Amino acid sequence: MRKELKEKGRVLTHLLRHAPEKYGVSLNLEGYAEVQDIIKTLDITEDDLEEIVRNDNKGRFSYLGNKIRANQGHSIKVELGYQESVPPNILYHGTSKNAYDKIKQTSINKMQRHHVHLSSDIETAKQVGSRRKGDLVIIKVNAEKMWRDGIKFYRSENGVWLTDEVLPKYFVKD
């Protein structure tokens, strides 16, 4: 993908997840923006937008007719409408050693986002965790026990598992 479109993709992510008002774009309650508003705001073509979405290796975006939204990761209030799902037995969370030192004392929490993001495979967790500074740590989570204990899970359109918090008692020690 062209460098220019990669940058537009970063702006699109920020716009749809965190600050639509900064860009003069309105989102509906489910977090969708009109495609034409996005094209105009980012000064791109519809084909450019399709390329951004198609080449996003994390599947961050989804369409509904002539609307587009981010699948998860919002810090603004949206109703994503995901149905509760039974998670796999084990899920993973990638982070840095520095963050892990704090997490193991408290929890993996959602911070300013709607949910904690968990991966069903180690490779994705590594990719996510490697964005943080410092040595990579992969936390193995006993999602089956969490679910049996009544903790809700949701699965986004791009396969990310979402929950409100992961307490250290659910960390699997190898």
C-alpha atoms as a PDB file:
ATOM      1  CA  MET A   1       0.000   0.000   0.000  1.00  0.00           C
ATOM      2  CA  ARG A   2       1.216   3.504  -0.773  1.00  0.00           C
ATOM      3  CA  LYS A   3       2.775   5.426   2.124  1.00  0.00           C
ATOM      4  CA  GLU A   4       0.159   8.166   1.747  1.00  0.00           C
ATOM      5  CA  LEU A   5      -2.676   5.659   2.183  1.00  0.00           C
ATOM      6  CA  LYS A   6      -1.014   4.100   5.235  1.00  0.00           C
ATOM      7  CA  GLU A   7      -1.072   7.519   6.879  1.00  0.00           C
ATOM      8  CA  LYS A   8      -4.708   8.021   5.842  1.00  0.00           C
ATOM      9  CA  GLY A   9      -5.435   4.620   7.431  1.00  0.00           C
ATOM     10  CA  ARG A  10      -3.961   5.801  10.742  1.00  0.00           C
ATOM     11  CA  VAL A  11      -6.116   8.924  10.565  1.00  0.00           C
ATOM     12  CA  LEU A  12      -9.179   6.802   9.766  1.00  0.00           C
ATOM     13  CA  THR A  13      -8.481   4.624  12.821  1.00  0.00           C
ATOM     14  CA  HIS A  14      -8.156   7.681  15.065  1.00  0.00           C
ATOM     15  CA  LEU A  15     -11.253   9.295  13.583  1.00  0.00           C
ATOM     16  CA  LEU A  16     -13.507   6.241  13.966  1.00  0.00           C
ATOM     17  CA  ARG A  17     -12.226   5.133  17.390  1.00  0.00           C
ATOM     18  CA  HIS A  18     -11.416   8.308  19.279  1.00  0.00           C
ATOM     19  CA  ALA A  19     -12.177  11.727  17.795  1.00  0.00           C
ATOM     20  CA  PRO A  20     -14.755  11.984  15.009  1.00  0.00           C
ATOM     21  CA  GLU A  21     -15.611  15.538  16.094  1.00  0.00           C
ATOM     22  CA  LYS A  22     -11.988  16.614  15.538  1.00  0.00           C
ATOM     23  CA  TYR A  23     -12.471  15.768  11.864  1.00  0.00           C
ATOM     24  CA  GLY A  24     -16.030  17.088  11.597  1.00  0.00           C
ATOM     25  CA  VAL A  25     -17.515  13.623  11.112  1.00  0.00           C
ATOM     26  CA  SER A  26     -20.594  12.269  12.884  1.00  0.00           C
ATOM     27  CA  LEU A  27     -20.973   8.664  14.009  1.00  0.00           C
ATOM     28  CA  ASN A  28     -24.291   6.981  14.666  1.00  0.00           C
ATOM     29  CA  LEU A  29     -24.913   5.103  17.923  1.00  0.00           C
ATOM     30  CA  GLU A  30     -23.264   1.953  16.525  1.00  0.00           C
ATOM     31  CA  GLY A  31     -20.111   3.872  15.560  1.00  0.00           C
ATOM     32  CA  TYR A  32     -20.771   4.055  11.819  1.00  0.00           C
ATOM     33  CA  ALA A  33     -19.867   7.060   9.685  1.00  0.00           C
ATOM     34  CA  GLU A  34     -21.087   7.775   6.161  1.00  0.00           C
ATOM     35  CA  VAL A  35     -18.509   6.582   3.618  1.00  0.00           C
ATOM     36  CA  GLN A  36     -18.938   9.800   1.637  1.00  0.00           C
ATOM     37  CA  ASP A  37     -18.114  11.868   4.739  1.00  0.00           C
ATOM     38  CA  ILE A  38     -14.934   9.826   5.277  1.00  0.00           C
ATOM     39  CA  ILE A  39     -13.873  10.169   1.637  1.00  0.00           C
ATOM     40  CA  LYS A  40     -14.398  13.920   1.738  1.00  0.00           C
ATOM     41  CA  THR A  41     -12.668  14.354   5.110  1.00  0.00           C
ATOM     42  CA  LEU A  42      -9.618  12.249   4.205  1.00  0.00           C
ATOM     43  CA  ASP A  43      -9.498  13.660   0.653  1.00  0.00           C
ATOM     44  CA  ILE A  44      -9.364  10.190  -0.893  1.00  0.00           C
ATOM     45  CA  THR A  45     -11.378   8.222  -3.432  1.00  0.00           C
ATOM     46  CA  GLU A  46     -13.738   5.361  -2.697  1.00  0.00           C
ATOM     47  CA  ASP A  47     -11.122   3.043  -4.234  1.00  0.00           C
ATOM     48  CA  ASP A  48      -8.517   4.458  -1.831  1.00  0.00           C
ATOM     49  CA  LEU A  49     -10.803   3.729   1.118  1.00  0.00           C
ATOM     50  CA  GLU A  50     -11.383   0.188  -0.154  1.00  0.00           C
ATOM     51  CA  GLU A  51      -7.606  -0.276  -0.388  1.00  0.00           C
ATOM     52  CA  ILE A  52      -7.091   0.982   3.167  1.00  0.00           C
ATOM     53  CA  VAL A  53      -9.734  -1.418   4.499  1.00  0.00           C
ATOM     54  CA  ARG A  54      -8.562  -4.370   2.394  1.00  0.00           C
ATOM     55  CA  ASN A  55      -4.899  -3.939   3.381  1.00  0.00           C
ATOM     56  CA  ASP A  56      -5.498  -3.420   7.081  1.00  0.00           C
ATOM     57  CA  ASN A  57      -3.816  -6.518   8.511  1.00  0.00           C
ATOM     58  CA  LYS A  58      -5.905  -6.399  11.678  1.00  0.00           C
ATOM     59  CA  GLY A  59      -9.294  -6.111  10.025  1.00  0.00           C
ATOM     60  CA  ARG A  60     -10.087  -2.954  11.999  1.00  0.00           C
ATOM     61  CA  PHE A  61     -12.946  -1.774   9.808  1.00  0.00           C
ATOM     62  CA  SER A  62     -16.289  -3.048   8.601  1.00  0.00           C
ATOM     63  CA  TYR A  63     -18.954  -1.770   6.245  1.00  0.00           C
ATOM     64  CA  LEU A  64     -22.703  -1.715   6.573  1.00  0.00           C
ATOM     65  CA  GLY A  65     -24.130  -0.516   3.283  1.00  0.00           C
ATOM     66  CA  ASN A  66     -22.746   2.985   2.695  1.00  0.00           C
ATOM     67  CA  LYS A  67     -21.349   3.272   6.231  1.00  0.00           C
ATOM     68  CA  ILE A  68     -18.042   2.276   7.829  1.00  0.00           C
ATOM     69  CA  ARG A  69     -16.879   1.783  11.421  1.00  0.00           C
ATOM     70  CA  ALA A  70     -13.992   0.533  13.514  1.00  0.00           C
ATOM     71  CA  ASN A  71     -14.666  -2.957  14.875  1.00  0.00           C
ATOM     72  CA  GLN A  72     -13.305  -2.278  18.378  1.00  0.00           C
ATOM     73  CA  GLY A  73     -10.858  -0.142  20.322  1.00  0.00           C
ATOM     74  CA  HIS A  74     -13.105   2.871  20.845  1.00  0.00           C
ATOM     75  CA  SER A  75     -12.507   5.392  23.587  1.00  0.00           C
ATOM     76  CA  ILE A  76     -15.774   7.138  22.686  1.00  0.00           C
ATOM     77  CA  LYS A  77     -19.257   5.891  23.507  1.00  0.00           C
ATOM     78  CA  VAL A  78     -20.632   3.560  20.837  1.00  0.00           C
ATOM     79  CA  GLU A  79     -22.904   0.522  20.960  1.00  0.00           C
ATOM     80  CA  LEU A  80     -21.099  -2.143  18.955  1.00  0.00           C
ATOM     81  CA  GLY A  81     -23.949  -4.626  19.339  1.00  0.00           C
ATOM     82  CA  TYR A  82     -21.802  -7.723  19.781  1.00  0.00           C
ATOM     83  CA  GLN A  83     -23.547 -10.776  21.152  1.00  0.00           C
ATOM     84  CA  GLU A  84     -22.126 -12.620  24.123  1.00  0.00           C
ATOM     85  CA  SER A  85     -20.013 -15.574  22.957  1.00  0.00           C
ATOM     86  CA  VAL A  86     -18.381 -18.590  24.557  1.00  0.00           C
ATOM     87  CA  PRO A  87     -14.612 -18.066  24.313  1.00  0.00           C
ATOM     88  CA  PRO A  88     -11.982 -20.685  23.553  1.00  0.00           C
ATOM     89  CA  ASN A  89     -10.381 -22.270  26.628  1.00  0.00           C
ATOM     90  CA  ILE A  90      -7.246 -20.133  26.357  1.00  0.00           C
ATOM     91  CA  LEU A  91      -6.789 -16.568  25.106  1.00  0.00           C
ATOM     92  CA  TYR A  92      -3.657 -14.399  24.952  1.00  0.00           C
ATOM     93  CA  HIS A  93      -2.718 -10.812  25.699  1.00  0.00           C
ATOM     94  CA  GLY A  94       0.537  -9.222  24.509  1.00  0.00           C
ATOM     95  CA  THR A  95       2.149  -6.475  26.558  1.00  0.00           C
ATOM     96  CA  SER A  96       5.531  -5.179  27.709  1.00  0.00           C
ATOM     97  CA  LYS A  97       7.515  -6.369  30.740  1.00  0.00           C
ATOM     98  CA  ASN A  98       7.037  -2.960  32.396  1.00  0.00           C
ATOM     99  CA  ALA A  99       3.267  -3.068  31.913  1.00  0.00           C
ATOM    100  CA  TYR A 100       3.134  -6.701  33.029  1.00  0.00           C
ATOM    101  CA  ASP A 101       4.796  -5.860  36.345  1.00  0.00           C
ATOM    102  CA  LYS A 102       1.803  -3.606  37.083  1.00  0.00           C
ATOM    103  CA  ILE A 103      -0.823  -5.859  35.467  1.00  0.00           C
ATOM    104  CA  LYS A 104       0.088  -8.876  37.594  1.00  0.00           C
ATOM    105  CA  GLN A 105      -0.617  -6.791  40.713  1.00  0.00           C
ATOM    106  CA  THR A 106      -3.965  -5.441  39.495  1.00  0.00           C
ATOM    107  CA  SER A 107      -5.509  -6.784  36.260  1.00  0.00           C
ATOM    108  CA  ILE A 108      -5.598  -6.391  32.531  1.00  0.00           C
ATOM    109  CA  ASN A 109      -8.082  -3.541  32.368  1.00  0.00           C
ATOM    110  CA  LYS A 110      -9.686  -1.710  29.509  1.00  0.00           C
ATOM    111  CA  MET A 111      -8.157   1.659  30.377  1.00  0.00           C
ATOM    112  CA  GLN A 112      -9.998   4.284  28.261  1.00  0.00           C
ATOM    113  CA  ARG A 113     -11.398   1.717  25.822  1.00  0.00           C
ATOM    114  CA  HIS A 114     -14.650  -0.206  25.910  1.00  0.00           C
ATOM    115  CA  HIS A 115     -13.051  -3.621  26.466  1.00  0.00           C
ATOM    116  CA  VAL A 116      -9.857  -5.553  27.068  1.00  0.00           C
ATOM    117  CA  HIS A 117      -8.666  -7.082  23.776  1.00  0.00           C
ATOM    118  CA  LEU A 118      -7.569 -10.721  23.759  1.00  0.00           C
ATOM    119  CA  SER A 119      -6.297 -12.921  20.933  1.00  0.00           C
ATOM    120  CA  SER A 120      -7.057 -16.544  20.212  1.00  0.00           C
ATOM    121  CA  ASP A 121      -3.492 -17.144  18.996  1.00  0.00           C
ATOM    122  CA  ILE A 122      -0.045 -16.301  20.293  1.00  0.00           C
ATOM    123  CA  GLU A 123       1.167 -14.743  17.035  1.00  0.00           C
ATOM    124  CA  THR A 124      -1.510 -12.038  17.100  1.00  0.00           C
ATOM    125  CA  ALA A 125      -0.790 -11.359  20.782  1.00  0.00           C
ATOM    126  CA  LYS A 126       2.909 -10.999  19.916  1.00  0.00           C
ATOM    127  CA  GLN A 127       2.086  -8.546  17.132  1.00  0.00           C
ATOM    128  CA  VAL A 128      -0.086  -6.455  19.461  1.00  0.00           C
ATOM    129  CA  GLY A 129       2.380  -6.591  22.358  1.00  0.00           C
ATOM    130  CA  SER A 130       5.359  -5.699  20.201  1.00  0.00           C
ATOM    131  CA  ARG A 131       3.931  -2.198  19.701  1.00  0.00           C
ATOM    132  CA  ARG A 132       4.785  -1.412  23.318  1.00  0.00           C
ATOM    133  CA  LYS A 133       8.270  -0.361  24.383  1.00  0.00           C
ATOM    134  CA  GLY A 134      10.291  -2.919  26.279  1.00  0.00           C
ATOM    135  CA  ASP A 135      10.561  -6.685  26.380  1.00  0.00           C
ATOM    136  CA  LEU A 136       7.514  -8.584  25.139  1.00  0.00           C
ATOM    137  CA  VAL A 137       5.397 -10.604  27.568  1.00  0.00           C
ATOM    138  CA  ILE A 138       2.525 -12.855  26.485  1.00  0.00           C
ATOM    139  CA  ILE A 139      -0.111 -13.430  29.149  1.00  0.00           C
ATOM    140  CA  LYS A 140      -1.967 -16.713  28.789  1.00  0.00           C
ATOM    141  CA  VAL A 141      -5.552 -16.344  30.051  1.00  0.00           C
ATOM    142  CA  ASN A 142      -7.861 -19.126  31.267  1.00  0.00           C
ATOM    143  CA  ALA A 143     -10.905 -17.800  29.424  1.00  0.00           C
ATOM    144  CA  GLU A 144     -12.871 -20.981  30.035  1.00  0.00           C
ATOM    145  CA  LYS A 145     -12.650 -20.471  33.822  1.00  0.00           C
ATOM    146  CA  MET A 146     -13.554 -16.801  33.458  1.00  0.00           C
ATOM    147  CA  TRP A 147     -16.613 -17.732  31.417  1.00  0.00           C
ATOM    148  CA  ARG A 148     -17.625 -20.453  33.926  1.00  0.00           C
ATOM    149  CA  ASP A 149     -17.288 -17.791  36.646  1.00  0.00           C
ATOM    150  CA  GLY A 150     -19.869 -15.673  34.830  1.00  0.00           C
ATOM    151  CA  ILE A 151     -17.585 -13.218  33.047  1.00  0.00           C
ATOM    152  CA  LYS A 152     -18.932 -12.166  29.655  1.00  0.00           C
ATOM    153  CA  PHE A 153     -17.008 -12.343  26.404  1.00  0.00           C
ATOM    154  CA  TYR A 154     -17.773 -10.891  23.004  1.00  0.00           C
ATOM    155  CA  ARG A 155     -16.110 -11.535  19.660  1.00  0.00           C
ATOM    156  CA  SER A 156     -15.645  -8.650  17.250  1.00  0.00           C
ATOM    157  CA  GLU A 157     -16.088  -8.983  13.508  1.00  0.00           C
ATOM    158  CA  ASN A 158     -12.331  -9.373  13.019  1.00  0.00           C
ATOM    159  CA  GLY A 159     -11.947 -12.130  15.621  1.00  0.00           C
ATOM    160  CA  VAL A 160     -10.721 -10.105  18.594  1.00  0.00           C
ATOM    161  CA  TRP A 161     -12.098 -11.349  21.913  1.00  0.00           C
ATOM    162  CA  LEU A 162     -13.448  -8.635  24.190  1.00  0.00           C
ATOM    163  CA  THR A 163     -14.135  -8.610  27.928  1.00  0.00           C
ATOM    164  CA  ASP A 164     -14.240  -6.003  30.682  1.00  0.00           C
ATOM    165  CA  GLU A 165     -11.247  -7.074  32.789  1.00  0.00           C
ATOM    166  CA  VAL A 166      -8.918 -10.026  33.366  1.00  0.00           C
ATOM    167  CA  LEU A 167      -7.908 -10.579  36.973  1.00  0.00           C
ATOM    168  CA  PRO A 168      -4.488 -12.150  37.689  1.00  0.00           C
ATOM    169  CA  LYS A 169      -6.159 -15.249  39.147  1.00  0.00           C
ATOM    170  CA  TYR A 170      -7.075 -16.141  35.533  1.00  0.00           C
ATOM    171  CA  PHE A 171      -3.483 -15.943  34.271  1.00  0.00           C
ATOM    172  CA  VAL A 172      -2.128 -19.371  33.347  1.00  0.00           C
ATOM    173  CA  LYS A 173       1.311 -20.028  34.739  1.00  0.00           C
ATOM    174  CA  ASP A 174       3.376 -22.344  32.557  1.00  0.00           C
END
